[in-house]
Amino acid sequence: MWASLGLAAMSRRWVRWMPAAAMPAIVAGVVLAGPLQAQAPATVPARTAAQVLALAVASHPQPLSGTLEETADLGLPQLPAIATGGASSQSGAAGPAAGLGQLVAFLTAPHTARVYLDGAGSQRVQLMDSLAERDVVHHGTTVWTYDSAANTATKYTVSNPLRPGAATGGLAPPNSKPVPGVATLPPMAPHDANQVPGSPVQTPAAIAADILKNLDPGTAVSLGANVTVAREPAYSLELVPRTAATLVAKVTIAVDANNGMPLRVTVQAKGQDKAAFEVGFSQLTLAAPAASMFTFTPPPGATVTNSAVPLPQRSSGKTLDGGKAPVSVSGTGWAAILQAPAGTVPAGMTSTPVLAQLLQAVPGGHALSTSLFTVLVTPDGALYAGAVPLAALQPASAAR
């Protein structure tokens, strides 16, 4: 289960960057620090947990514009921009350290993003830093990325979002295993419009789709108190692992009572009162943005690169490093462990200044330990990750 969760996408993003930092790539999602503003409870139609779950699964992407806040309390130090390579790594031109620095900044510092969506082929994200702005503009088969701090723009080519089969975004129907107390779910509605190619932000709907598509009997499903998110009334759909082997205590999805769209995803870690991870709308307008929002012209003086390397697409979870490194999974459900072979992490990567501040030397290699997930890199570059403690990864590594 954990490898399909939006929260575990944090770990996957770390996993993806470790071997891929040497090529031009844009972080597929961010994990940030800082609380979201609480809003009042809402009055919503009476529904059971099973009905709210079905409502969320059957929801369709909505044309919208809004402000997303992503927050985290992962137990990682907040590193200064000079240590993480700053914002100039957007195009990948500054090399592996800068690209890795961008990921570390996303894991340890607060961010806010403006999001504009109008179908699978028209999307824009503006990541607002204190001193700069980073943009991802997707229209048809073209994606532009722009970093105002460095005044650099990169043009990528992506697959046709309207190609046959694209509407599902590669999402399989929900797990066929029955969930106790929950009726059989309908097929997943299309969610490609929630996935912005190359974006440093994932919407709550995209994360929730990852979570719900693999819901299984290892998860208890219930309803919490109703909430209001960005002035929209919502149900609180609570997912609690039935196993003690995971670091995850609970995942809560705020589901719009009117259209079923996930408005916020909150993840709590065991032994921690404050949310370990949260992404949600603080402002939302459910209407199609102006068409001009999906066009981009590099500003005067900008350094423009036409990338010959296709923008990395959303990982299938079966390979890393652009499909070169096969990935296997041991264990099941929330306690599953992702494994990638020797050579996945380039030699010397763990000793870079950025990683040296986050990784800890442990028996069997170097580890990144957070409140929600753990990553272990062995001396030969093999990689192990999961929403489990380090003590669960080390035996898996030793057994190969």
Protein backbone atom coordinates (compact mmCIF):
# COMPACT_ATOMS: atom_id res chain seq x y z
CA MET A 1 0.00 0.00 0.00
CA TRP A 2 2.65 2.55 1.01
CA ALA A 3 4.32 2.62 -2.43
CA SER A 4 1.04 3.83 -3.96
CA LEU A 5 0.31 6.48 -1.37
CA GLY A 6 0.63 10.17 -1.99
CA LEU A 7 2.66 10.49 1.20
CA ALA A 8 5.00 7.77 -0.03
CA ALA A 9 5.39 9.77 -3.20
CA MET A 10 7.69 11.83 -0.98
CA SER A 11 9.93 8.81 -0.64
CA ARG A 12 9.57 7.97 -4.33
CA ARG A 13 10.58 11.51 -5.23
CA TRP A 14 13.69 11.14 -3.08
CA VAL A 15 14.33 7.74 -4.63
CA ARG A 16 13.86 9.15 -8.12
CA TRP A 17 16.28 12.02 -7.54
CA MET A 18 19.09 9.96 -6.08
CA PRO A 19 19.84 8.20 -9.39
CA ALA A 20 18.39 10.87 -11.66
CA ALA A 21 20.03 14.01 -10.30
CA ALA A 22 22.60 13.99 -13.12
CA MET A 23 20.00 14.55 -15.86
CA PRO A 24 17.65 17.45 -16.52
CA ALA A 25 14.53 16.73 -14.49
CA ILE A 26 11.92 18.58 -12.53
CA VAL A 27 10.84 17.42 -9.11
CA ALA A 28 7.48 15.67 -9.48
CA GLY A 29 6.17 16.85 -6.11
CA VAL A 30 7.19 18.70 -3.01
CA VAL A 31 7.13 18.22 0.73
CA LEU A 32 7.19 21.41 2.74
CA ALA A 33 7.08 22.79 6.29
CA GLY A 34 4.48 25.09 7.90
CA PRO A 35 0.88 24.80 9.16
CA LEU A 36 -2.25 25.25 7.05
CA GLN A 37 -4.86 27.62 8.41
CA ALA A 38 -7.65 25.72 10.14
CA GLN A 39 -11.20 26.28 8.96
CA ALA A 40 -14.59 25.75 10.57
CA PRO A 41 -16.56 22.48 10.46
CA ALA A 42 -19.09 22.16 7.65
CA THR A 43 -22.68 21.03 7.26
CA VAL A 44 -22.82 18.27 4.62
CA PRO A 45 -25.38 15.66 3.45
CA ALA A 46 -25.42 12.50 5.54
CA ARG A 47 -23.24 9.79 3.96
CA THR A 48 -21.48 6.67 5.18
CA ALA A 49 -17.73 6.15 4.88
CA ALA A 50 -18.35 3.77 1.98
CA GLN A 51 -20.45 6.38 0.19
CA VAL A 52 -17.84 9.12 0.66
CA LEU A 53 -15.12 6.76 -0.56
CA ALA A 54 -17.16 5.99 -3.69
CA LEU A 55 -17.81 9.71 -4.18
CA ALA A 56 -14.08 10.47 -4.12
CA VAL A 57 -13.17 7.57 -6.42
CA ALA A 58 -15.79 8.57 -9.00
CA SER A 59 -14.91 12.29 -8.96
CA HIS A 60 -13.71 13.90 -12.18
CA PRO A 61 -11.01 16.56 -12.51
CA GLN A 62 -12.47 20.04 -12.24
CA PRO A 63 -11.32 23.12 -14.18
CA LEU A 64 -9.97 25.35 -11.44
CA SER A 65 -7.56 27.95 -10.20
CA GLY A 66 -6.36 28.00 -6.63
CA THR A 67 -3.62 28.32 -4.07
CA LEU A 68 -2.01 25.17 -2.70
CA GLU A 69 -0.16 24.97 0.60
CA GLU A 70 2.07 21.96 1.25
CA THR A 71 3.40 21.43 4.73
CA ALA A 72 5.54 18.89 6.53
CA ASP A 73 7.07 18.07 9.86
CA LEU A 74 9.38 15.21 8.88
CA GLY A 75 12.06 15.76 11.49
CA LEU A 76 14.54 17.09 8.90
CA PRO A 77 16.61 20.25 9.42
CA GLN A 78 15.63 23.31 7.39
CA LEU A 79 18.75 23.98 5.35
CA PRO A 80 19.64 27.45 4.01
CA ALA A 81 19.25 28.09 0.29
CA ILE A 82 23.02 28.37 -0.16
CA ALA A 83 23.42 24.83 1.12
CA THR A 84 20.68 23.35 -1.04
CA GLY A 85 21.67 24.97 -4.28
CA GLY A 86 18.85 27.52 -4.28
CA ALA A 87 16.16 27.79 -6.91
CA SER A 88 18.40 27.87 -9.94
CA SER A 89 18.36 24.13 -10.42
CA GLN A 90 15.01 24.13 -12.18
CA SER A 91 16.41 23.33 -15.59
CA GLY A 92 19.00 20.91 -14.33
CA ALA A 93 21.77 22.97 -15.92
CA ALA A 94 23.60 23.49 -12.67
CA GLY A 95 24.34 19.81 -12.29
CA PRO A 96 23.53 17.03 -9.84
CA ALA A 97 24.23 18.98 -6.66
CA ALA A 98 21.83 21.76 -7.66
CA GLY A 99 19.10 19.34 -8.66
CA LEU A 100 19.50 17.43 -5.44
CA GLY A 101 19.57 20.72 -3.56
CA GLN A 102 16.19 21.63 -5.01
CA LEU A 103 14.70 18.40 -3.72
CA VAL A 104 16.19 18.93 -0.26
CA ALA A 105 14.75 22.45 -0.20
CA PHE A 106 11.33 21.03 -1.02
CA LEU A 107 11.66 18.50 1.78
CA THR A 108 12.70 21.03 4.40
CA ALA A 109 11.29 24.51 3.59
CA PRO A 110 7.79 26.02 3.28
CA HIS A 111 6.30 26.79 -0.14
CA THR A 112 3.05 28.04 -1.67
CA ALA A 113 1.89 27.43 -5.22
CA ARG A 114 -0.74 28.85 -7.55
CA VAL A 115 -2.37 26.12 -9.66
CA TYR A 116 -4.41 26.46 -12.86
CA LEU A 117 -6.05 23.38 -14.42
CA ASP A 118 -8.29 22.99 -17.47
CA GLY A 119 -8.11 19.40 -18.66
CA ALA A 120 -5.15 17.10 -19.27
CA GLY A 121 -3.56 19.40 -21.85
CA SER A 122 -3.78 22.80 -20.13
CA GLN A 123 -2.10 23.19 -16.76
CA ARG A 124 0.06 25.73 -14.97
CA VAL A 125 1.84 25.80 -11.61
CA GLN A 126 3.57 28.82 -10.10
CA LEU A 127 5.74 27.98 -7.12
CA MET A 128 6.16 31.09 -5.00
CA ASP A 129 9.45 31.43 -3.14
CA SER A 130 10.28 34.38 -0.92
CA LEU A 131 12.66 35.91 -3.48
CA ALA A 132 11.73 34.16 -6.72
CA GLU A 133 9.06 32.34 -8.69
CA ARG A 134 9.25 29.06 -10.57
CA ASP A 135 6.70 28.24 -13.26
CA VAL A 136 5.65 25.09 -15.06
CA VAL A 137 3.33 25.75 -18.02
CA HIS A 138 1.85 22.78 -19.89
CA HIS A 139 -0.12 23.17 -23.10
CA GLY A 140 -0.62 20.22 -25.45
CA THR A 141 2.72 18.51 -26.03
CA THR A 142 4.85 21.38 -24.74
CA VAL A 143 5.99 22.10 -21.19
CA TRP A 144 7.91 25.24 -20.26
CA THR A 145 9.76 25.62 -16.97
CA TYR A 146 10.93 29.02 -15.82
CA ASP A 147 13.06 30.18 -12.88
CA SER A 148 12.82 33.93 -12.26
CA ALA A 149 15.85 34.00 -9.93
CA ALA A 150 18.17 32.73 -12.67
CA ASN A 151 15.99 34.08 -15.53
CA THR A 152 16.26 30.72 -17.28
CA ALA A 153 13.59 28.85 -19.25
CA THR A 154 13.57 25.30 -20.59
CA LYS A 155 11.21 23.89 -23.20
CA TYR A 156 10.33 20.16 -23.01
CA THR A 157 8.21 17.88 -25.16
CA VAL A 158 5.74 15.47 -23.55
CA SER A 159 3.43 12.78 -24.85
CA ASN A 160 0.09 13.80 -26.32
CA PRO A 161 -2.25 14.11 -23.32
CA LEU A 162 -5.18 13.11 -25.55
CA ARG A 163 -3.59 9.89 -26.81
CA PRO A 164 -5.65 6.69 -26.44
CA GLY A 165 -5.54 5.49 -22.86
CA ALA A 166 -4.15 8.75 -21.52
CA ALA A 167 -7.36 9.73 -19.78
CA THR A 168 -6.73 7.30 -16.96
CA GLY A 169 -3.21 8.54 -16.36
CA GLY A 170 -2.06 4.95 -16.04
CA LEU A 171 -4.24 4.46 -12.97
CA ALA A 172 -5.56 0.96 -12.54
CA PRO A 173 -9.00 0.32 -11.07
CA PRO A 174 -9.04 0.03 -7.28
CA ASN A 175 -7.60 -3.11 -5.78
CA SER A 176 -10.04 -5.96 -6.33
CA LYS A 177 -9.57 -7.17 -2.76
CA PRO A 178 -12.62 -6.20 -0.69
CA VAL A 179 -12.19 -3.64 2.06
CA PRO A 180 -14.07 -4.62 5.21
CA GLY A 181 -17.23 -2.52 5.55
CA VAL A 182 -16.78 -0.93 2.11
CA ALA A 183 -18.75 -1.95 -0.96
CA THR A 184 -17.02 -2.76 -4.26
CA LEU A 185 -15.81 0.50 -5.77
CA PRO A 186 -16.48 1.70 -9.33
CA PRO A 187 -13.63 2.12 -11.83
CA MET A 188 -11.39 5.11 -11.19
CA ALA A 189 -12.46 8.30 -12.94
CA PRO A 190 -9.85 9.96 -15.22
CA HIS A 191 -7.27 11.94 -13.23
CA ASP A 192 -4.70 13.01 -15.85
CA ALA A 193 -5.87 16.61 -15.53
CA ASN A 194 -4.62 16.56 -11.92
CA GLN A 195 -1.12 15.43 -12.97
CA VAL A 196 0.94 18.36 -14.23
CA PRO A 197 3.98 17.07 -16.20
CA GLY A 198 7.20 18.27 -14.60
CA SER A 199 5.38 20.17 -11.85
CA PRO A 200 6.98 20.63 -8.43
CA VAL A 201 3.47 20.28 -6.97
CA GLN A 202 0.96 17.45 -6.80
CA THR A 203 -2.68 18.34 -6.26
CA PRO A 204 -4.66 16.70 -3.45
CA ALA A 205 -6.71 14.90 -6.12
CA ALA A 206 -3.61 13.38 -7.71
CA ILE A 207 -2.27 12.22 -4.36
CA ALA A 208 -5.64 10.86 -3.29
CA ALA A 209 -5.94 8.93 -6.55
CA ASP A 210 -2.66 7.19 -5.73
CA ILE A 211 -3.96 6.34 -2.29
CA LEU A 212 -7.41 5.11 -3.23
CA LYS A 213 -6.51 3.02 -6.25
CA ASN A 214 -4.78 0.43 -4.05
CA LEU A 215 -6.99 0.50 -1.01
CA ASP A 216 -7.03 -2.99 0.52
CA PRO A 217 -8.14 -4.87 3.66
CA GLY A 218 -5.01 -3.65 5.46
CA THR A 219 -6.73 -0.26 5.89
CA ALA A 220 -9.60 0.69 8.18
CA VAL A 221 -11.90 3.27 6.57
CA SER A 222 -14.07 5.68 8.57
CA LEU A 223 -15.32 9.27 8.71
CA GLY A 224 -13.99 12.03 10.94
CA ALA A 225 -15.48 15.45 11.68
CA ASN A 226 -16.73 17.42 8.67
CA VAL A 227 -14.50 20.32 7.63
CA THR A 228 -14.41 23.40 5.43
CA VAL A 229 -11.47 23.68 3.02
CA ALA A 230 -11.06 26.82 0.89
CA ARG A 231 -14.71 27.64 1.70
CA GLU A 232 -15.86 24.27 0.35
CA PRO A 233 -17.78 21.89 2.68
CA ALA A 234 -16.06 18.53 2.91
CA TYR A 235 -16.10 15.12 4.53
CA SER A 236 -13.04 13.80 6.37
CA LEU A 237 -12.31 10.34 5.00
CA GLU A 238 -9.92 8.63 7.43
CA LEU A 239 -7.66 5.72 6.44
CA VAL A 240 -5.85 3.91 9.27
CA PRO A 241 -3.29 1.13 8.71
CA ARG A 242 -4.16 -2.08 10.52
CA THR A 243 -0.49 -3.02 10.89
CA ALA A 244 1.93 -1.83 13.57
CA ALA A 245 4.88 -2.23 11.19
CA THR A 246 4.45 1.13 9.43
CA LEU A 247 5.39 4.67 10.47
CA VAL A 248 2.03 5.95 9.25
CA ALA A 249 -0.68 6.52 11.84
CA LYS A 250 -3.49 7.89 9.66
CA VAL A 251 -4.26 9.47 6.30
CA THR A 252 -7.18 11.92 6.12
CA ILE A 253 -8.65 13.06 2.79
CA ALA A 254 -10.98 16.07 2.77
CA VAL A 255 -13.57 15.18 0.12
CA ASP A 256 -15.68 17.97 -1.39
CA ALA A 257 -19.29 17.26 -0.40
CA ASN A 258 -20.60 18.66 -3.70
CA ASN A 259 -18.41 17.01 -6.33
CA GLY A 260 -16.20 14.47 -4.53
CA MET A 261 -12.93 16.24 -5.41
CA PRO A 262 -10.19 15.73 -2.80
CA LEU A 263 -9.38 19.18 -1.40
CA ARG A 264 -6.71 18.26 1.13
CA VAL A 265 -4.63 15.25 2.13
CA THR A 266 -3.19 15.02 5.65
CA VAL A 267 -0.83 12.33 6.90
CA GLN A 268 -0.02 11.73 10.54
CA ALA A 269 2.99 9.79 11.76
CA LYS A 270 2.97 7.54 14.78
CA GLY A 271 4.00 9.27 17.99
CA GLN A 272 3.55 12.76 16.49
CA ASP A 273 0.61 15.09 17.19
CA LYS A 274 1.29 17.60 14.43
CA ALA A 275 0.59 16.50 10.84
CA ALA A 276 3.72 15.06 9.29
CA PHE A 277 2.56 15.96 5.79
CA GLU A 278 -0.30 18.00 4.40
CA VAL A 279 -1.23 19.42 1.02
CA GLY A 280 -4.44 21.35 0.50
CA PHE A 281 -6.16 24.31 -1.06
CA SER A 282 -6.28 27.56 0.90
CA GLN A 283 -8.10 29.31 -1.95
CA LEU A 284 -10.10 27.72 -4.77
CA THR A 285 -12.22 28.85 -7.74
CA LEU A 286 -14.03 26.07 -9.61
CA ALA A 287 -14.08 27.66 -13.06
CA ALA A 288 -11.93 27.38 -16.17
CA PRO A 289 -8.94 29.75 -16.04
CA ALA A 290 -8.33 32.16 -18.92
CA ALA A 291 -6.69 30.50 -21.93
CA SER A 292 -3.81 32.97 -21.63
CA MET A 293 -2.72 31.22 -18.42
CA PHE A 294 -1.49 28.27 -20.49
CA THR A 295 0.75 30.19 -22.87
CA PHE A 296 4.32 31.15 -22.05
CA THR A 297 6.79 33.53 -23.66
CA PRO A 298 10.27 33.74 -22.14
CA PRO A 299 10.89 37.25 -20.77
CA PRO A 300 13.51 39.50 -22.37
CA GLY A 301 17.06 38.45 -21.55
CA ALA A 302 16.10 34.96 -20.40
CA THR A 303 18.44 32.09 -21.19
CA VAL A 304 16.32 29.61 -23.16
CA THR A 305 17.10 25.90 -23.59
CA ASN A 306 15.24 23.53 -25.89
CA SER A 307 15.73 20.25 -24.09
CA ALA A 308 16.52 17.20 -26.22
CA VAL A 309 15.71 15.05 -23.19
CA PRO A 310 11.98 14.35 -22.78
CA LEU A 311 10.52 15.59 -19.55
CA PRO A 312 10.39 12.65 -17.13
CA GLN A 313 6.88 11.26 -16.93
CA ARG A 314 5.11 9.98 -13.87
CA SER A 315 6.87 6.83 -12.74
CA SER A 316 5.11 3.51 -13.08
CA GLY A 317 6.78 2.45 -9.83
CA LYS A 318 8.50 -0.45 -11.63
CA THR A 319 11.71 1.32 -12.68
CA LEU A 320 13.97 4.18 -11.61
CA ASP A 321 16.58 6.23 -13.46
CA GLY A 322 14.53 6.66 -16.62
CA GLY A 323 13.56 3.00 -16.73
CA LYS A 324 17.12 1.67 -16.37
CA ALA A 325 16.92 0.43 -12.78
CA PRO A 326 14.27 -2.23 -12.12
CA VAL A 327 12.39 -1.93 -8.87
CA SER A 328 11.03 -4.79 -6.80
CA VAL A 329 8.83 -4.76 -3.72
CA SER A 330 9.07 -7.02 -0.70
CA GLY A 331 6.39 -7.25 1.96
CA THR A 332 2.83 -6.06 1.55
CA GLY A 333 0.57 -3.13 2.27
CA TRP A 334 1.76 -0.26 4.41
CA ALA A 335 4.90 -2.16 5.43
CA ALA A 336 6.07 -2.91 1.87
CA ILE A 337 9.69 -2.12 1.01
CA LEU A 338 10.80 -0.82 -2.38
CA GLN A 339 14.15 -2.17 -3.57
CA ALA A 340 16.41 -1.00 -6.41
CA PRO A 341 19.62 -2.83 -7.42
CA ALA A 342 23.30 -2.00 -6.99
CA GLY A 343 24.38 1.01 -9.01
CA THR A 344 21.04 2.78 -8.73
CA VAL A 345 22.62 5.56 -6.65
CA PRO A 346 25.77 6.95 -8.36
CA ALA A 347 29.07 6.48 -6.56
CA GLY A 348 29.89 9.42 -4.32
CA MET A 349 26.35 10.80 -4.27
CA THR A 350 25.91 10.12 -0.56
CA SER A 351 29.00 12.18 0.26
CA THR A 352 27.83 15.38 -1.46
CA PRO A 353 27.60 18.39 0.89
CA VAL A 354 23.81 18.44 0.65
CA LEU A 355 23.29 14.78 1.52
CA ALA A 356 26.00 14.80 4.16
CA GLN A 357 23.73 17.06 6.24
CA LEU A 358 20.77 14.67 5.99
CA LEU A 359 22.15 11.14 5.76
CA GLN A 360 23.38 9.15 8.71
CA ALA A 361 26.05 6.45 8.49
CA VAL A 362 24.46 3.21 9.70
CA PRO A 363 25.29 -0.49 9.54
CA GLY A 364 24.73 -1.41 5.92
CA GLY A 365 25.21 2.05 4.36
CA HIS A 366 23.70 5.53 4.75
CA ALA A 367 20.13 6.27 5.80
CA LEU A 368 17.65 9.10 5.49
CA SER A 369 15.21 8.71 8.36
CA THR A 370 12.04 10.80 8.58
CA SER A 371 8.87 10.52 10.60
CA LEU A 372 7.02 8.98 7.61
CA PHE A 373 9.55 7.10 5.50
CA THR A 374 13.09 5.77 5.53
CA VAL A 375 15.63 5.38 2.71
CA LEU A 376 18.74 3.17 2.96
CA VAL A 377 21.56 3.41 0.41
CA THR A 378 24.10 0.59 0.50
CA PRO A 379 27.82 1.03 -0.33
CA ASP A 380 27.29 -0.48 -3.80
CA GLY A 381 24.48 1.96 -4.63
CA ALA A 382 21.48 -0.29 -4.00
CA LEU A 383 18.49 1.48 -2.53
CA TYR A 384 15.74 0.44 -0.09
CA ALA A 385 12.80 2.61 0.92
CA GLY A 386 9.53 2.29 2.76
CA ALA A 387 7.13 3.83 5.24
CA VAL A 388 8.87 1.71 7.84
CA PRO A 389 11.68 2.16 10.39
CA LEU A 390 15.32 1.68 9.43
CA ALA A 391 15.30 -1.60 11.37
CA ALA A 392 12.96 -3.02 8.72
CA LEU A 393 15.17 -1.98 5.78
CA GLN A 394 18.44 -3.36 7.10
CA PRO A 395 17.35 -7.04 7.14
CA ALA A 396 15.97 -6.63 3.60
CA SER A 397 19.32 -5.26 2.48
CA ALA A 398 21.29 -8.00 4.24
CA ALA A 399 19.12 -10.72 2.69
CA ARG A 400 19.99 -9.94 -0.94
